[in-house]
Amino acid sequence: MLARKGSTTIAIAGLAAILMAAVPAAHADDKVVVFAAASLKDGLDAVNKACEADVGEAATISYAASSALARQIESGAPADLFISADLDWMKYLADRKLTKPGTEVKLLGNQIVLVAPRDSKVETRIEKGFDLAKLVDDGKLAMGDVKAVPAGKYGKAALESLGAWSSVEGKVAQAENVRAALKLVSTGEAALGIVYATDAHAEPGVKVVGTFPAGTHPPIIYPVAQLADSKSRDTPAFLKCLQSAKAGELFKAQGFTILAPSN
């Protein structure tokens, strides 16, 4: 009897240990999954770490062009939150009922700038009629895809407004996202590039040649929303933390402007 009782006790203890060991794995499966515009990487990585205490654990973040992420979500990719670099791709998902109503927030703002490799001698003043083609010379102008990537769309709009697009259209090297365009400039593969001010802030291999006036392109707005098929119970907590004062300070340190009222 004693032996059987001891065996039963051992078996129960063993079962308890197995159940306890399974808890972290189950919790890991509940991690918040965020699909975010590539230009957010430095700021959002810092915010993710800061929000870990509020949410319970760090989120899993996938960075790419807003257009690519929106299409992945449309195709069924599992994600809990989407942060776009423009309103168009958020609307694209909302129109298809892929975002949760009432959760969309205009989170951040940004600027677009003209950058050159760090050792470039290029100098200019960005204004109506400025000779961008002469500045690019025989090189390339790196931009995000002007038909899909928000930074590329903003850049093309600005150049059209300034009367410079037609003269440089044939010199444009279109990249899959803004960070890829930034890399073309930092490595010297492109003479100039149009990226976000925050990207230039994060890359020591480039220098800002000029800032595009806000009136030359649509306002640069980063909206965030919970997705309709969100599975993580921690999604609302992470969304709230994104709008917190501490998150705002970290985003501002990277050059973003804060649009959402802090919680």
C-alpha atoms as a PDB file:
ATOM      1  CA  MET A   1       0.000   0.000   0.000  1.00  0.00           C
ATOM      2  CA  LEU A   2       2.789   2.409   0.913  1.00  0.00           C
ATOM      3  CA  ALA A   3       4.571   1.717  -2.321  1.00  0.00           C
ATOM      4  CA  ARG A   4       1.375   2.302  -4.292  1.00  0.00           C
ATOM      5  CA  LYS A   5       0.678   5.520  -2.397  1.00  0.00           C
ATOM      6  CA  GLY A   6       4.227   6.692  -3.076  1.00  0.00           C
ATOM      7  CA  SER A   7       3.866   5.866  -6.753  1.00  0.00           C
ATOM      8  CA  THR A   8       0.590   7.778  -6.929  1.00  0.00           C
ATOM      9  CA  THR A   9       2.189  10.789  -5.241  1.00  0.00           C
ATOM     10  CA  ILE A  10       5.096  10.683  -7.669  1.00  0.00           C
ATOM     11  CA  ALA A  11       2.705  10.380 -10.622  1.00  0.00           C
ATOM     12  CA  ILE A  12       0.634  13.368  -9.484  1.00  0.00           C
ATOM     13  CA  ALA A  13       3.763  15.425  -8.882  1.00  0.00           C
ATOM     14  CA  GLY A  14       5.037  14.478 -12.304  1.00  0.00           C
ATOM     15  CA  LEU A  15       1.736  15.464 -13.922  1.00  0.00           C
ATOM     16  CA  ALA A  16       1.796  18.816 -12.120  1.00  0.00           C
ATOM     17  CA  ALA A  17       5.328  19.456 -13.363  1.00  0.00           C
ATOM     18  CA  ILE A  18       4.269  18.697 -16.928  1.00  0.00           C
ATOM     19  CA  LEU A  19       1.299  21.041 -16.672  1.00  0.00           C
ATOM     20  CA  MET A  20       3.449  23.812 -15.208  1.00  0.00           C
ATOM     21  CA  ALA A  21       6.014  23.355 -17.971  1.00  0.00           C
ATOM     22  CA  ALA A  22       3.248  23.698 -20.565  1.00  0.00           C
ATOM     23  CA  VAL A  23       2.125  27.102 -19.297  1.00  0.00           C
ATOM     24  CA  PRO A  24       4.974  29.188 -20.811  1.00  0.00           C
ATOM     25  CA  ALA A  25       4.515  27.499 -24.184  1.00  0.00           C
ATOM     26  CA  ALA A  26       0.795  28.253 -24.205  1.00  0.00           C
ATOM     27  CA  HIS A  27       1.488  31.850 -23.187  1.00  0.00           C
ATOM     28  CA  ALA A  28       4.111  32.196 -25.911  1.00  0.00           C
ATOM     29  CA  ASP A  29       1.461  31.220 -28.466  1.00  0.00           C
ATOM     30  CA  ASP A  30      -0.643  34.129 -27.187  1.00  0.00           C
ATOM     31  CA  LYS A  31       2.011  36.752 -28.025  1.00  0.00           C
ATOM     32  CA  VAL A  32       0.779  39.866 -29.764  1.00  0.00           C
ATOM     33  CA  VAL A  33       1.769  39.809 -33.442  1.00  0.00           C
ATOM     34  CA  VAL A  34       2.265  43.232 -35.015  1.00  0.00           C
ATOM     35  CA  PHE A  35       2.617  43.959 -38.726  1.00  0.00           C
ATOM     36  CA  ALA A  36       4.322  47.348 -39.012  1.00  0.00           C
ATOM     37  CA  ALA A  37       5.692  49.662 -41.687  1.00  0.00           C
ATOM     38  CA  ALA A  38       9.451  49.222 -42.177  1.00  0.00           C
ATOM     39  CA  SER A  39      10.155  52.842 -41.242  1.00  0.00           C
ATOM     40  CA  LEU A  40       8.936  52.174 -37.689  1.00  0.00           C
ATOM     41  CA  LYS A  41      11.597  49.612 -36.811  1.00  0.00           C
ATOM     42  CA  ASP A  42      13.937  51.556 -34.514  1.00  0.00           C
ATOM     43  CA  GLY A  43      11.202  53.395 -32.648  1.00  0.00           C
ATOM     44  CA  LEU A  44       8.809  50.479 -32.390  1.00  0.00           C
ATOM     45  CA  ASP A  45      11.523  48.066 -31.229  1.00  0.00           C
ATOM     46  CA  ALA A  46      12.230  50.441 -28.335  1.00  0.00           C
ATOM     47  CA  VAL A  47       8.527  50.833 -27.565  1.00  0.00           C
ATOM     48  CA  ASN A  48       8.015  47.082 -27.672  1.00  0.00           C
ATOM     49  CA  LYS A  49      10.661  46.608 -25.011  1.00  0.00           C
ATOM     50  CA  ALA A  50       9.200  49.383 -22.866  1.00  0.00           C
ATOM     51  CA  CYS A  51       5.672  47.972 -23.146  1.00  0.00           C
ATOM     52  CA  GLU A  52       6.715  44.476 -22.092  1.00  0.00           C
ATOM     53  CA  ALA A  53       6.010  45.208 -18.422  1.00  0.00           C
ATOM     54  CA  ASP A  54       2.493  46.490 -19.172  1.00  0.00           C
ATOM     55  CA  VAL A  55       1.550  43.763 -21.631  1.00  0.00           C
ATOM     56  CA  GLY A  56       3.259  40.807 -19.958  1.00  0.00           C
ATOM     57  CA  GLU A  57       5.727  39.998 -22.718  1.00  0.00           C
ATOM     58  CA  ALA A  58       7.206  41.534 -25.850  1.00  0.00           C
ATOM     59  CA  ALA A  59       5.230  41.417 -29.067  1.00  0.00           C
ATOM     60  CA  THR A  60       6.410  39.671 -32.212  1.00  0.00           C
ATOM     61  CA  ILE A  61       6.846  42.338 -34.901  1.00  0.00           C
ATOM     62  CA  SER A  62       7.080  41.830 -38.653  1.00  0.00           C
ATOM     63  CA  TYR A  63       8.389  44.818 -40.649  1.00  0.00           C
ATOM     64  CA  ALA A  64       7.852  45.404 -44.356  1.00  0.00           C
ATOM     65  CA  ALA A  65       6.226  47.863 -46.748  1.00  0.00           C
ATOM     66  CA  SER A  66       2.676  48.745 -45.659  1.00  0.00           C
ATOM     67  CA  SER A  67       1.397  47.550 -49.031  1.00  0.00           C
ATOM     68  CA  ALA A  68       3.007  44.117 -48.666  1.00  0.00           C
ATOM     69  CA  LEU A  69       1.752  43.704 -45.100  1.00  0.00           C
ATOM     70  CA  ALA A  70      -1.804  44.718 -45.986  1.00  0.00           C
ATOM     71  CA  ARG A  71      -1.893  42.175 -48.785  1.00  0.00           C
ATOM     72  CA  GLN A  72      -0.509  39.483 -46.468  1.00  0.00           C
ATOM     73  CA  ILE A  73      -3.272  40.251 -43.971  1.00  0.00           C
ATOM     74  CA  GLU A  74      -5.831  40.101 -46.773  1.00  0.00           C
ATOM     75  CA  SER A  75      -4.459  36.674 -47.701  1.00  0.00           C
ATOM     76  CA  GLY A  76      -4.983  35.401 -44.157  1.00  0.00           C
ATOM     77  CA  ALA A  77      -1.618  36.011 -42.471  1.00  0.00           C
ATOM     78  CA  PRO A  78      -2.150  35.819 -38.682  1.00  0.00           C
ATOM     79  CA  ALA A  79      -1.623  39.192 -37.005  1.00  0.00           C
ATOM     80  CA  ASP A  80      -3.210  41.165 -34.179  1.00  0.00           C
ATOM     81  CA  LEU A  81      -2.271  44.771 -34.995  1.00  0.00           C
ATOM     82  CA  PHE A  82      -1.422  46.646 -38.182  1.00  0.00           C
ATOM     83  CA  ILE A  83       0.519  49.927 -38.248  1.00  0.00           C
ATOM     84  CA  SER A  84       0.578  51.479 -41.704  1.00  0.00           C
ATOM     85  CA  ALA A  85       2.704  54.348 -42.977  1.00  0.00           C
ATOM     86  CA  ASP A  86      -0.341  55.878 -44.645  1.00  0.00           C
ATOM     87  CA  LEU A  87      -4.121  56.007 -44.349  1.00  0.00           C
ATOM     88  CA  ASP A  88      -4.707  54.364 -47.736  1.00  0.00           C
ATOM     89  CA  TRP A  89      -3.534  50.877 -46.780  1.00  0.00           C
ATOM     90  CA  MET A  90      -5.429  50.979 -43.491  1.00  0.00           C
ATOM     91  CA  LYS A  91      -8.566  51.938 -45.420  1.00  0.00           C
ATOM     92  CA  TYR A  92      -7.843  49.087 -47.817  1.00  0.00           C
ATOM     93  CA  LEU A  93      -8.165  46.626 -44.928  1.00  0.00           C
ATOM     94  CA  ALA A  94     -11.061  48.449 -43.237  1.00  0.00           C
ATOM     95  CA  ASP A  95     -13.064  48.394 -46.478  1.00  0.00           C
ATOM     96  CA  ARG A  96     -12.638  44.615 -46.509  1.00  0.00           C
ATOM     97  CA  LYS A  97     -13.764  44.377 -42.862  1.00  0.00           C
ATOM     98  CA  LEU A  98     -10.338  43.111 -41.808  1.00  0.00           C
ATOM     99  CA  THR A  99      -9.895  45.643 -38.987  1.00  0.00           C
ATOM    100  CA  LYS A 100     -11.881  45.766 -35.756  1.00  0.00           C
ATOM    101  CA  PRO A 101     -14.306  48.713 -35.820  1.00  0.00           C
ATOM    102  CA  GLY A 102     -13.589  51.461 -33.317  1.00  0.00           C
ATOM    103  CA  THR A 103      -9.925  50.583 -32.786  1.00  0.00           C
ATOM    104  CA  GLU A 104      -8.211  52.670 -35.472  1.00  0.00           C
ATOM    105  CA  VAL A 105      -6.054  55.502 -34.129  1.00  0.00           C
ATOM    106  CA  LYS A 106      -3.907  58.057 -35.970  1.00  0.00           C
ATOM    107  CA  LEU A 107      -0.723  57.344 -34.045  1.00  0.00           C
ATOM    108  CA  LEU A 108       2.273  59.173 -35.556  1.00  0.00           C
ATOM    109  CA  GLY A 109       3.398  61.730 -38.099  1.00  0.00           C
ATOM    110  CA  ASN A 110       6.619  62.063 -40.106  1.00  0.00           C
ATOM    111  CA  GLN A 111       8.415  64.065 -42.829  1.00  0.00           C
ATOM    112  CA  ILE A 112      10.125  63.068 -46.055  1.00  0.00           C
ATOM    113  CA  VAL A 113      13.658  64.231 -46.771  1.00  0.00           C
ATOM    114  CA  LEU A 114      16.230  64.089 -49.534  1.00  0.00           C
ATOM    115  CA  VAL A 115      19.326  62.171 -48.455  1.00  0.00           C
ATOM    116  CA  ALA A 116      22.781  61.585 -49.918  1.00  0.00           C
ATOM    117  CA  PRO A 117      25.702  59.347 -48.892  1.00  0.00           C
ATOM    118  CA  ARG A 118      27.513  60.754 -45.847  1.00  0.00           C
ATOM    119  CA  ASP A 119      30.553  61.922 -47.876  1.00  0.00           C
ATOM    120  CA  SER A 120      28.511  63.504 -50.708  1.00  0.00           C
ATOM    121  CA  LYS A 121      29.141  67.154 -51.585  1.00  0.00           C
ATOM    122  CA  VAL A 122      25.554  67.711 -52.762  1.00  0.00           C
ATOM    123  CA  GLU A 123      23.798  70.783 -51.387  1.00  0.00           C
ATOM    124  CA  THR A 124      20.404  72.165 -52.389  1.00  0.00           C
ATOM    125  CA  ARG A 125      17.290  74.014 -51.332  1.00  0.00           C
ATOM    126  CA  ILE A 126      14.089  72.090 -51.976  1.00  0.00           C
ATOM    127  CA  GLU A 127      11.643  74.479 -53.599  1.00  0.00           C
ATOM    128  CA  LYS A 128       9.524  74.868 -56.711  1.00  0.00           C
ATOM    129  CA  GLY A 129      11.627  74.286 -59.814  1.00  0.00           C
ATOM    130  CA  PHE A 130      14.773  73.010 -58.059  1.00  0.00           C
ATOM    131  CA  ASP A 131      17.008  71.049 -60.432  1.00  0.00           C
ATOM    132  CA  LEU A 132      16.948  67.574 -58.925  1.00  0.00           C
ATOM    133  CA  ALA A 133      17.985  65.913 -62.193  1.00  0.00           C
ATOM    134  CA  LYS A 134      21.231  67.885 -62.165  1.00  0.00           C
ATOM    135  CA  LEU A 135      21.901  66.838 -58.568  1.00  0.00           C
ATOM    136  CA  VAL A 136      21.342  63.166 -59.398  1.00  0.00           C
ATOM    137  CA  ASP A 137      23.517  63.559 -62.514  1.00  0.00           C
ATOM    138  CA  ASP A 138      24.367  60.099 -63.908  1.00  0.00           C
ATOM    139  CA  GLY A 139      23.367  58.342 -60.694  1.00  0.00           C
ATOM    140  CA  LYS A 140      20.098  57.018 -59.334  1.00  0.00           C
ATOM    141  CA  LEU A 141      17.388  58.448 -57.106  1.00  0.00           C
ATOM    142  CA  ALA A 142      16.311  55.780 -54.613  1.00  0.00           C
ATOM    143  CA  MET A 143      12.651  55.710 -53.580  1.00  0.00           C
ATOM    144  CA  GLY A 144      10.090  53.234 -52.372  1.00  0.00           C
ATOM    145  CA  ASP A 145       7.815  51.797 -55.061  1.00  0.00           C
ATOM    146  CA  VAL A 146       5.907  54.905 -56.159  1.00  0.00           C
ATOM    147  CA  LYS A 147       2.699  52.966 -56.831  1.00  0.00           C
ATOM    148  CA  ALA A 148       2.481  51.036 -53.573  1.00  0.00           C
ATOM    149  CA  VAL A 149       5.004  51.973 -50.869  1.00  0.00           C
ATOM    150  CA  PRO A 150       3.774  55.009 -48.888  1.00  0.00           C
ATOM    151  CA  ALA A 151       7.181  56.746 -48.814  1.00  0.00           C
ATOM    152  CA  GLY A 152       7.410  56.328 -52.585  1.00  0.00           C
ATOM    153  CA  LYS A 153       3.909  57.706 -53.074  1.00  0.00           C
ATOM    154  CA  TYR A 154       4.610  60.704 -50.836  1.00  0.00           C
ATOM    155  CA  GLY A 155       7.908  61.301 -52.643  1.00  0.00           C
ATOM    156  CA  LYS A 156       6.389  61.193 -56.119  1.00  0.00           C
ATOM    157  CA  ALA A 157       3.590  63.544 -55.034  1.00  0.00           C
ATOM    158  CA  ALA A 158       6.147  66.021 -53.690  1.00  0.00           C
ATOM    159  CA  LEU A 159       8.264  65.897 -56.843  1.00  0.00           C
ATOM    160  CA  GLU A 160       5.209  66.388 -59.052  1.00  0.00           C
ATOM    161  CA  SER A 161       4.142  69.349 -56.916  1.00  0.00           C
ATOM    162  CA  LEU A 162       7.612  70.885 -57.246  1.00  0.00           C
ATOM    163  CA  GLY A 163       7.795  70.271 -61.005  1.00  0.00           C
ATOM    164  CA  ALA A 164      10.735  67.864 -60.716  1.00  0.00           C
ATOM    165  CA  TRP A 165       9.186  64.437 -61.361  1.00  0.00           C
ATOM    166  CA  SER A 166       9.352  64.358 -65.169  1.00  0.00           C
ATOM    167  CA  SER A 167      13.066  65.194 -65.183  1.00  0.00           C
ATOM    168  CA  VAL A 168      14.047  62.376 -62.785  1.00  0.00           C
ATOM    169  CA  GLU A 169      11.474  59.667 -63.516  1.00  0.00           C
ATOM    170  CA  GLY A 170      13.967  57.759 -65.649  1.00  0.00           C
ATOM    171  CA  LYS A 171      16.611  57.917 -62.931  1.00  0.00           C
ATOM    172  CA  VAL A 172      14.468  56.463 -60.143  1.00  0.00           C
ATOM    173  CA  ALA A 173      15.518  53.188 -58.512  1.00  0.00           C
ATOM    174  CA  GLN A 174      12.346  51.855 -56.883  1.00  0.00           C
ATOM    175  CA  ALA A 175      12.766  49.698 -53.778  1.00  0.00           C
ATOM    176  CA  GLU A 176      10.422  47.260 -52.053  1.00  0.00           C
ATOM    177  CA  ASN A 177      10.290  49.440 -48.931  1.00  0.00           C
ATOM    178  CA  VAL A 178      11.749  52.677 -47.604  1.00  0.00           C
ATOM    179  CA  ARG A 179      14.537  50.983 -45.640  1.00  0.00           C
ATOM    180  CA  ALA A 180      15.701  49.260 -48.817  1.00  0.00           C
ATOM    181  CA  ALA A 181      15.771  52.659 -50.550  1.00  0.00           C
ATOM    182  CA  LEU A 182      17.775  54.044 -47.630  1.00  0.00           C
ATOM    183  CA  LYS A 183      20.311  51.241 -47.982  1.00  0.00           C
ATOM    184  CA  LEU A 184      20.856  52.042 -51.660  1.00  0.00           C
ATOM    185  CA  VAL A 185      21.958  55.531 -50.620  1.00  0.00           C
ATOM    186  CA  SER A 186      24.040  54.530 -47.590  1.00  0.00           C
ATOM    187  CA  THR A 187      25.998  52.024 -49.689  1.00  0.00           C
ATOM    188  CA  GLY A 188      26.544  54.518 -52.506  1.00  0.00           C
ATOM    189  CA  GLU A 189      24.474  52.586 -55.041  1.00  0.00           C
ATOM    190  CA  ALA A 190      22.221  55.628 -55.408  1.00  0.00           C
ATOM    191  CA  ALA A 191      23.355  59.251 -55.518  1.00  0.00           C
ATOM    192  CA  LEU A 192      20.282  60.499 -53.666  1.00  0.00           C
ATOM    193  CA  GLY A 193      17.174  59.102 -52.058  1.00  0.00           C
ATOM    194  CA  ILE A 194      13.797  60.141 -50.681  1.00  0.00           C
ATOM    195  CA  VAL A 195      13.082  58.608 -47.291  1.00  0.00           C
ATOM    196  CA  TYR A 196      11.436  59.532 -44.015  1.00  0.00           C
ATOM    197  CA  ALA A 197      13.240  61.895 -41.660  1.00  0.00           C
ATOM    198  CA  THR A 198      13.193  59.090 -39.084  1.00  0.00           C
ATOM    199  CA  ASP A 199      15.034  56.756 -41.462  1.00  0.00           C
ATOM    200  CA  ALA A 200      17.748  59.345 -42.018  1.00  0.00           C
ATOM    201  CA  HIS A 201      18.000  59.757 -38.236  1.00  0.00           C
ATOM    202  CA  ALA A 202      18.615  56.027 -37.852  1.00  0.00           C
ATOM    203  CA  GLU A 203      21.266  55.642 -40.586  1.00  0.00           C
ATOM    204  CA  PRO A 204      24.712  57.184 -39.985  1.00  0.00           C
ATOM    205  CA  GLY A 205      25.731  56.430 -43.570  1.00  0.00           C
ATOM    206  CA  VAL A 206      23.558  59.210 -45.013  1.00  0.00           C
ATOM    207  CA  LYS A 207      23.089  62.928 -44.546  1.00  0.00           C
ATOM    208  CA  VAL A 208      19.969  65.040 -45.045  1.00  0.00           C
ATOM    209  CA  VAL A 209      20.273  67.366 -48.018  1.00  0.00           C
ATOM    210  CA  GLY A 210      16.836  68.944 -47.626  1.00  0.00           C
ATOM    211  CA  THR A 211      13.323  68.495 -46.236  1.00  0.00           C
ATOM    212  CA  PHE A 212      10.286  68.489 -48.510  1.00  0.00           C
ATOM    213  CA  PRO A 213       7.757  71.165 -47.547  1.00  0.00           C
ATOM    214  CA  ALA A 214       4.668  69.614 -45.931  1.00  0.00           C
ATOM    215  CA  GLY A 215       2.350  71.231 -48.460  1.00  0.00           C
ATOM    216  CA  THR A 216       3.917  69.366 -51.381  1.00  0.00           C
ATOM    217  CA  HIS A 217       2.476  65.981 -50.409  1.00  0.00           C
ATOM    218  CA  PRO A 218      -0.410  64.493 -48.396  1.00  0.00           C
ATOM    219  CA  PRO A 219       0.070  64.542 -44.604  1.00  0.00           C
ATOM    220  CA  ILE A 220       2.232  61.618 -43.461  1.00  0.00           C
ATOM    221  CA  ILE A 221       0.110  59.739 -40.949  1.00  0.00           C
ATOM    222  CA  TYR A 222       0.724  56.335 -39.344  1.00  0.00           C
ATOM    223  CA  PRO A 223      -2.578  54.767 -38.262  1.00  0.00           C
ATOM    224  CA  VAL A 224      -2.804  51.668 -36.059  1.00  0.00           C
ATOM    225  CA  ALA A 225      -5.751  49.305 -35.658  1.00  0.00           C
ATOM    226  CA  GLN A 226      -6.563  45.948 -34.147  1.00  0.00           C
ATOM    227  CA  LEU A 227      -7.309  43.339 -36.778  1.00  0.00           C
ATOM    228  CA  ALA A 228     -10.679  41.618 -36.903  1.00  0.00           C
ATOM    229  CA  ASP A 229      -9.136  38.153 -36.506  1.00  0.00           C
ATOM    230  CA  SER A 230      -6.847  39.087 -33.607  1.00  0.00           C
ATOM    231  CA  LYS A 231      -6.318  36.064 -31.361  1.00  0.00           C
ATOM    232  CA  SER A 232      -4.112  37.425 -28.579  1.00  0.00           C
ATOM    233  CA  ARG A 233      -5.821  38.495 -25.354  1.00  0.00           C
ATOM    234  CA  ASP A 234      -3.014  41.029 -24.884  1.00  0.00           C
ATOM    235  CA  THR A 235      -3.765  42.987 -28.069  1.00  0.00           C
ATOM    236  CA  PRO A 236      -5.811  45.757 -26.361  1.00  0.00           C
ATOM    237  CA  ALA A 237      -3.070  46.233 -23.754  1.00  0.00           C
ATOM    238  CA  PHE A 238      -0.388  46.610 -26.428  1.00  0.00           C
ATOM    239  CA  LEU A 239      -2.553  49.014 -28.425  1.00  0.00           C
ATOM    240  CA  LYS A 240      -3.063  51.099 -25.284  1.00  0.00           C
ATOM    241  CA  CYS A 241       0.672  51.098 -24.521  1.00  0.00           C
ATOM    242  CA  LEU A 242       1.449  52.352 -28.037  1.00  0.00           C
ATOM    243  CA  GLN A 243      -0.508  55.479 -27.111  1.00  0.00           C
ATOM    244  CA  SER A 244       1.148  55.943 -23.715  1.00  0.00           C
ATOM    245  CA  ALA A 245       3.373  58.860 -22.728  1.00  0.00           C
ATOM    246  CA  LYS A 246       6.428  56.608 -22.426  1.00  0.00           C
ATOM    247  CA  ALA A 247       5.863  55.243 -25.939  1.00  0.00           C
ATOM    248  CA  GLY A 248       5.437  58.792 -27.199  1.00  0.00           C
ATOM    249  CA  GLU A 249       8.791  59.840 -25.798  1.00  0.00           C
ATOM    250  CA  LEU A 250      10.525  56.915 -27.490  1.00  0.00           C
ATOM    251  CA  PHE A 251       8.870  57.648 -30.836  1.00  0.00           C
ATOM    252  CA  LYS A 252       9.765  61.351 -30.542  1.00  0.00           C
ATOM    253  CA  ALA A 253      13.392  60.397 -29.884  1.00  0.00           C
ATOM    254  CA  GLN A 254      13.425  58.811 -33.347  1.00  0.00           C
ATOM    255  CA  GLY A 255      11.971  61.926 -34.987  1.00  0.00           C
ATOM    256  CA  PHE A 256       8.266  61.032 -35.173  1.00  0.00           C
ATOM    257  CA  THR A 257       5.557  63.482 -34.214  1.00  0.00           C
ATOM    258  CA  ILE A 258       2.845  62.224 -31.870  1.00  0.00           C
ATOM    259  CA  LEU A 259      -0.725  62.459 -33.139  1.00  0.00           C
ATOM    260  CA  ALA A 260      -2.644  60.294 -30.674  1.00  0.00           C
ATOM    261  CA  PRO A 261      -3.515  61.702 -27.228  1.00  0.00           C
ATOM    262  CA  SER A 262      -1.455  59.818 -24.622  1.00  0.00           C
ATOM    263  CA  ASN A 263      -3.263  57.418 -22.294  1.00  0.00           C
END
